[in-house]
Amino acid sequence: AMSTAGPLAPLDEATLKKMKVAELKEEARKRSLKVGGKKPDLLARLYEFFNITPTPPTPKRPSSSSLQTPSPNKKPKSPSKSPARPPANVLQISPSLLSSVSPSSPWIDLCIPP
């Protein structure tokens, strides 16, 4: 805990960044600075008070900007003759035909789309 009796110790950027908003407000109040606003506002005010030039936050991945470029779709749209889809005429089997086939027939699984 800081003693409020003595002269206020100057704070450095690292110390300020670790502080909670409530603590920053307290420091600002002691130095008769405005205490309104969010943490970045309080930090900016205290930096100015201490003549601190904040170091810009270094991005963790420098290549992040290149990752954000829209990549061309790796999968081209599959042609209409896609083997994943059964031919259209298989889909048009009438329900009565399906119900007449015994459920154990092996081909019924092939004809009903998932």
Foldseek 3Di string as FASTA:
>chain_A
DDDLPDPDDQDALVVLVPDDLVVLLVVCVSVVHDSDDDSVVSSVRSCVVNVHDDDPDDDPDPCVVVVPDDDPDPDDPDPPPDPLDDDPVLQPDDVVVVVVDDPPDPCVVVSDRD
